[in-house]
Protein backbone atom coordinates (compact mmCIF):
# COMPACT_ATOMS: atom_id res chain seq x y z
CA MET A 1 115.06 36.82 -138.77
CA ARG A 2 112.05 38.92 -139.74
CA GLY A 3 108.90 36.91 -139.15
CA ALA A 4 105.52 37.17 -140.80
CA ILE A 5 104.23 39.29 -137.91
CA GLY A 6 107.09 41.74 -137.85
CA ASN A 7 110.00 42.20 -135.48
CA LEU A 8 108.44 40.38 -132.55
CA ASP A 9 110.34 37.97 -130.35
CA VAL A 10 109.03 35.41 -127.87
CA ALA A 11 109.37 37.78 -124.89
CA GLN A 12 107.16 40.36 -126.59
CA LEU A 13 104.54 37.76 -127.46
CA VAL A 14 104.49 36.49 -123.86
CA LEU A 15 104.20 40.04 -122.55
CA TYR A 16 101.27 40.86 -124.86
CA ALA A 17 99.60 37.58 -123.99
CA PHE A 18 99.93 38.43 -120.30
CA TRP A 19 98.39 41.88 -120.87
CA PHE A 20 95.39 40.38 -122.65
CA PHE A 21 94.99 37.72 -119.96
CA PHE A 22 95.24 40.25 -117.13
CA ALA A 23 92.73 42.60 -118.77
CA GLY A 24 90.33 39.69 -119.21
CA LEU A 25 90.84 38.64 -115.57
CA ILE A 26 90.01 42.14 -114.32
CA PHE A 27 86.91 42.27 -116.50
CA TYR A 28 85.78 38.86 -115.23
CA LEU A 29 86.34 39.75 -111.56
CA ARG A 30 84.55 43.09 -111.89
CA ARG A 31 81.52 41.30 -113.35
CA GLU A 32 81.57 38.65 -110.62
CA ASP A 33 81.74 41.16 -107.76
CA ARG A 34 78.48 42.63 -109.02
CA ARG A 35 76.53 39.57 -107.94
CA GLU A 36 75.96 41.15 -104.50
CA GLY A 37 74.07 44.42 -104.34
CA TYR A 38 73.42 44.75 -108.06
CA PRO A 39 71.73 45.99 -110.12
CA LEU A 40 71.66 49.41 -108.49
CA GLU A 41 68.61 51.51 -107.77
CA SER A 42 68.48 55.15 -108.78
CA GLU A 43 67.44 57.78 -106.24
CA GLY A 44 65.75 59.91 -108.84
CA GLN A 45 63.92 57.02 -110.49
CA ARG A 46 62.91 54.26 -108.10
CA GLY A 47 63.42 50.69 -109.16
CA PHE A 48 66.32 48.90 -110.75
CA LYS A 49 68.31 50.47 -113.52
CA PRO A 50 68.07 48.67 -116.88
CA ARG A 51 70.22 45.58 -116.87
CA ASN A 52 73.57 45.87 -118.64
CA LEU A 53 74.49 42.61 -120.35
CA ILE A 54 78.17 43.55 -120.41
CA TRP A 55 78.74 44.60 -116.80
CA ILE A 56 76.13 42.57 -114.87
CA PRO A 57 76.56 38.80 -115.22
CA GLU A 58 73.86 36.24 -115.77
CA PRO A 59 72.43 34.77 -112.53
CA LYS A 60 74.50 31.90 -111.21
CA THR A 61 73.20 29.14 -108.93
CA PHE A 62 75.20 28.46 -105.77
CA LEU A 63 74.73 25.23 -103.82
CA ARG A 64 74.67 25.82 -100.05
CA PRO A 65 76.11 23.26 -97.59
CA ASP A 66 72.58 22.50 -96.37
CA GLY A 67 71.46 21.59 -99.88
CA ARG A 68 69.64 24.83 -100.69
CA LYS A 69 70.23 26.68 -103.92
CA VAL A 70 70.78 30.43 -104.10
CA LYS A 71 70.90 32.55 -107.23
CA ALA A 72 72.93 35.73 -107.56
CA PRO A 73 72.22 38.36 -108.60
CA ASN A 74 68.62 37.78 -107.50
CA TYR A 75 67.14 41.20 -108.40
CA LYS A 76 65.25 41.41 -105.11
CA PRO A 77 64.56 45.06 -104.25
CA ASP A 78 64.74 46.55 -100.77
CA THR A 79 61.12 47.41 -100.06
CA ARG A 80 61.68 48.93 -96.61
CA PRO A 81 60.39 52.50 -96.27
CA VAL A 82 63.02 55.15 -95.66
CA SER A 83 62.34 56.74 -92.27
CA ALA A 84 64.18 59.95 -93.09
CA THR A 85 63.92 63.16 -95.06
CA LYS A 86 66.55 64.79 -97.24
CA THR A 87 68.15 67.97 -95.96
CA GLU A 88 68.63 69.29 -99.50
CA PRO A 89 66.85 68.57 -102.81
CA TRP A 90 69.89 67.47 -104.79
CA PRO A 91 70.67 63.75 -105.25
CA GLY A 92 72.90 62.28 -102.57
CA ALA A 93 71.98 64.90 -99.97
CA PRO A 94 72.24 63.88 -96.27
CA LEU A 95 69.21 62.34 -94.60
CA THR A 96 67.63 63.38 -91.31
CA PRO A 97 65.85 60.56 -89.45
CA THR A 98 62.14 60.82 -88.77
CA GLY A 99 60.68 59.29 -85.63
CA ASP A 100 63.07 57.38 -83.38
CA PRO A 101 66.53 57.95 -84.94
CA LEU A 102 67.89 54.77 -83.33
CA LEU A 103 65.40 52.70 -85.34
CA ALA A 104 65.28 54.79 -88.52
CA ASN A 105 67.77 52.53 -90.36
CA VAL A 106 69.78 55.43 -91.79
CA GLY A 107 73.35 56.61 -91.38
CA PRO A 108 75.29 54.67 -88.73
CA GLY A 109 72.06 52.85 -87.87
CA SER A 110 71.55 51.31 -91.30
CA TYR A 111 71.69 47.57 -91.80
CA ALA A 112 71.30 44.99 -94.55
CA GLU A 113 68.42 42.52 -94.67
CA ARG A 114 70.49 39.41 -94.14
CA ALA A 115 69.01 35.95 -93.82
CA ASP A 116 66.83 35.51 -90.74
CA GLU A 117 68.66 32.36 -89.73
CA THR A 118 71.66 31.48 -87.59
CA TYR A 119 75.13 31.12 -89.04
CA LYS A 120 76.35 27.53 -88.81
CA THR A 121 79.77 26.06 -88.18
CA ALA A 122 81.21 23.33 -90.39
CA ASP A 123 79.76 20.67 -88.08
CA GLY A 124 76.28 22.18 -88.14
CA HIS A 125 76.20 24.00 -84.78
CA ASP A 126 75.20 27.63 -84.31
CA LEU A 127 78.30 29.77 -84.66
CA LEU A 128 77.27 32.08 -81.81
CA ALA A 129 75.89 30.74 -78.55
CA PRO A 130 75.81 31.71 -74.87
CA LEU A 131 78.05 29.85 -72.48
CA ARG A 132 75.00 28.18 -70.95
CA VAL A 133 74.59 26.42 -74.31
CA ALA A 134 78.21 26.17 -75.45
CA THR A 135 79.21 24.36 -72.27
CA ASN A 136 82.60 23.31 -73.66
CA TYR A 137 83.70 26.97 -73.57
CA ALA A 138 84.52 28.92 -70.43
CA VAL A 139 86.38 31.98 -69.19
CA PRO A 140 90.02 30.96 -68.52
CA PRO A 141 90.93 30.53 -64.84
CA GLY A 142 92.52 33.67 -63.46
CA SER A 143 90.80 35.93 -65.98
CA ALA A 144 88.09 38.39 -64.99
CA ASN A 145 84.61 37.04 -65.72
CA PRO A 146 82.31 40.01 -66.48
CA SER A 147 79.18 38.03 -65.58
CA GLY A 148 77.39 39.97 -62.87
CA PHE A 149 79.01 43.30 -63.78
CA ALA A 150 76.71 46.33 -63.78
CA VAL A 151 76.09 47.95 -67.18
CA PHE A 152 75.86 51.74 -67.42
CA GLY A 153 74.91 54.01 -70.28
CA THR A 154 76.71 57.13 -71.41
CA ASP A 155 74.66 59.11 -68.86
CA ARG A 156 76.25 57.00 -66.09
CA VAL A 157 72.89 55.53 -65.14
CA GLN A 158 72.72 51.77 -64.64
CA ALA A 159 70.82 49.95 -67.38
CA GLY A 160 71.19 46.36 -66.23
CA VAL A 161 73.53 43.52 -65.30
CA ILE A 162 75.50 41.12 -67.48
CA ARG A 163 73.84 37.73 -67.35
CA ASP A 164 75.90 35.61 -69.75
CA LEU A 165 78.61 35.70 -72.41
CA TRP A 166 78.13 34.76 -76.06
CA VAL A 167 81.05 33.03 -77.72
CA ASP A 168 82.08 32.56 -81.34
CA ARG A 169 82.64 28.83 -81.58
CA ALA A 170 84.89 29.08 -84.63
CA GLU A 171 87.17 31.84 -83.36
CA SER A 172 86.91 31.05 -79.62
CA ILE A 173 86.35 34.71 -78.76
CA LEU A 174 83.55 36.70 -77.15
CA ARG A 175 81.06 38.40 -79.45
CA TYR A 176 78.28 39.60 -77.14
CA TYR A 177 77.42 40.23 -73.53
CA GLU A 178 73.88 39.30 -72.59
CA VAL A 179 72.46 42.06 -70.41
CA THR A 180 69.41 41.69 -68.19
CA LEU A 181 67.76 45.10 -68.02
CA THR A 182 66.16 46.55 -64.92
CA GLY A 183 62.76 45.64 -66.38
CA GLY A 184 63.73 41.97 -66.69
CA ARG A 185 64.22 41.83 -70.47
CA SER A 186 67.51 40.48 -71.86
CA VAL A 187 69.34 42.15 -74.76
CA LEU A 188 72.65 41.62 -76.52
CA LEU A 189 75.58 44.00 -76.20
CA PRO A 190 78.37 43.69 -78.80
CA VAL A 191 81.69 43.51 -76.98
CA TYR A 192 83.16 46.26 -79.17
CA PHE A 193 80.67 48.79 -77.75
CA ALA A 194 81.51 47.88 -74.15
CA ASP A 195 84.16 49.51 -71.96
CA VAL A 196 84.85 46.96 -69.21
CA ASP A 197 86.29 48.06 -65.88
CA THR A 198 87.24 44.90 -63.99
CA LYS A 199 88.30 46.76 -60.84
CA GLN A 200 84.94 48.46 -60.36
CA ARG A 201 83.04 45.50 -61.87
CA ARG A 202 81.16 47.71 -64.28
CA VAL A 203 80.67 48.05 -68.04
CA THR A 204 80.08 51.42 -69.68
CA VAL A 205 78.36 51.74 -73.05
CA ASN A 206 78.99 55.20 -74.46
CA ALA A 207 76.79 54.58 -77.50
CA LEU A 208 73.49 54.66 -75.56
CA LYS A 209 71.81 56.23 -72.59
CA ALA A 210 70.43 53.85 -69.97
CA SER A 211 66.84 54.57 -70.97
CA GLN A 212 67.60 53.64 -74.60
CA PHE A 213 68.59 50.05 -73.80
CA ALA A 214 64.91 49.12 -73.73
CA GLY A 215 64.68 49.74 -77.48
CA ILE A 216 67.44 47.32 -78.46
CA PRO A 217 66.02 44.78 -80.94
CA GLY A 218 65.57 41.36 -79.38
CA THR A 219 65.93 37.80 -80.62
CA LYS A 220 63.20 35.29 -81.37
CA ASN A 221 65.06 32.57 -79.50
CA PRO A 222 66.79 33.42 -76.19
CA ASP A 223 69.65 31.04 -77.01
CA LYS A 224 70.12 31.93 -80.70
CA VAL A 225 70.78 35.03 -82.79
CA THR A 226 70.17 35.16 -86.52
CA LEU A 227 72.21 37.07 -89.08
CA LEU A 228 69.40 39.61 -89.47
CA GLU A 229 69.06 40.05 -85.72
CA GLU A 230 72.81 40.61 -85.42
CA ASP A 231 72.68 43.42 -87.96
CA LYS A 232 69.70 45.05 -86.27
CA VAL A 233 71.38 44.94 -82.85
CA SER A 234 74.66 46.37 -84.14
CA ALA A 235 72.80 49.03 -86.12
CA TYR A 236 70.98 50.20 -82.98
CA TYR A 237 74.23 50.75 -81.13
CA GLY A 238 75.77 52.32 -84.23
CA ALA A 239 72.89 54.77 -84.45
CA GLY A 240 73.45 55.68 -80.82
CA THR A 241 76.97 56.87 -81.55
CA LEU A 242 75.40 59.77 -83.49
CA TYR A 243 71.79 60.07 -82.32
CA ALA A 244 71.81 59.06 -78.64
CA THR A 245 71.98 62.72 -77.55
CA PRO A 246 71.09 65.86 -79.54
CA ASP A 247 74.57 67.36 -79.13
CA ARG A 248 76.15 64.47 -81.04
CA VAL A 249 74.42 65.52 -84.23
CA GLU A 250 75.76 69.07 -84.02
CA PRO A 251 79.16 70.07 -85.44
CA LEU A 252 82.15 70.08 -83.10
CA ILE A 253 82.93 73.71 -83.87
């Protein structure tokens, strides 16, 4: 039979309804994923771009497990100065660090200003902790314990000795080695930047020279590391992969 809306059957109506639903779902998800990092800032004109009522959603209040309330998007600008100069005048040109490139917060050494607080597990403990604090964790019997191993930089000069291991309580894996430098200061070494040689009882860090370990950002509490401190530490090693030696910045050919 010919209906009032033409030659449409139930299958066609269901298909069209699905198309409309799926288009609406994509639109909704694209608006929601703009709660982090939006609205954008323009390089040519500092400050936030004018808010778009269609693409950027209204701020939503999220209730944290500890009872705090967080709004997103929060429209908080990044007020940190850029310690770099552009190599070319056009927008989006590469940046060259000024001052100490390992602390310039550009390129592989950039980091986000995360909360300056520790990440908590579901039961309220710090997610990351050294074994001297997380006493219910230990290196399995028969496995090599890197505590006491010598730590060398990419220049094959010793920078310090591993003092302790930092464990992820949720995943039960190592996240950091705690290194005591020759000057007595302790710093964190992400395990993914460490090349461990159990036979020679040494750890090599190709991202940094031995003399550059002294500049690794520290922690306020010797037994805790905040989210912000984690990003700063990782960014320092990341910057070293490109800026530790002058030849790394140059082209391969």
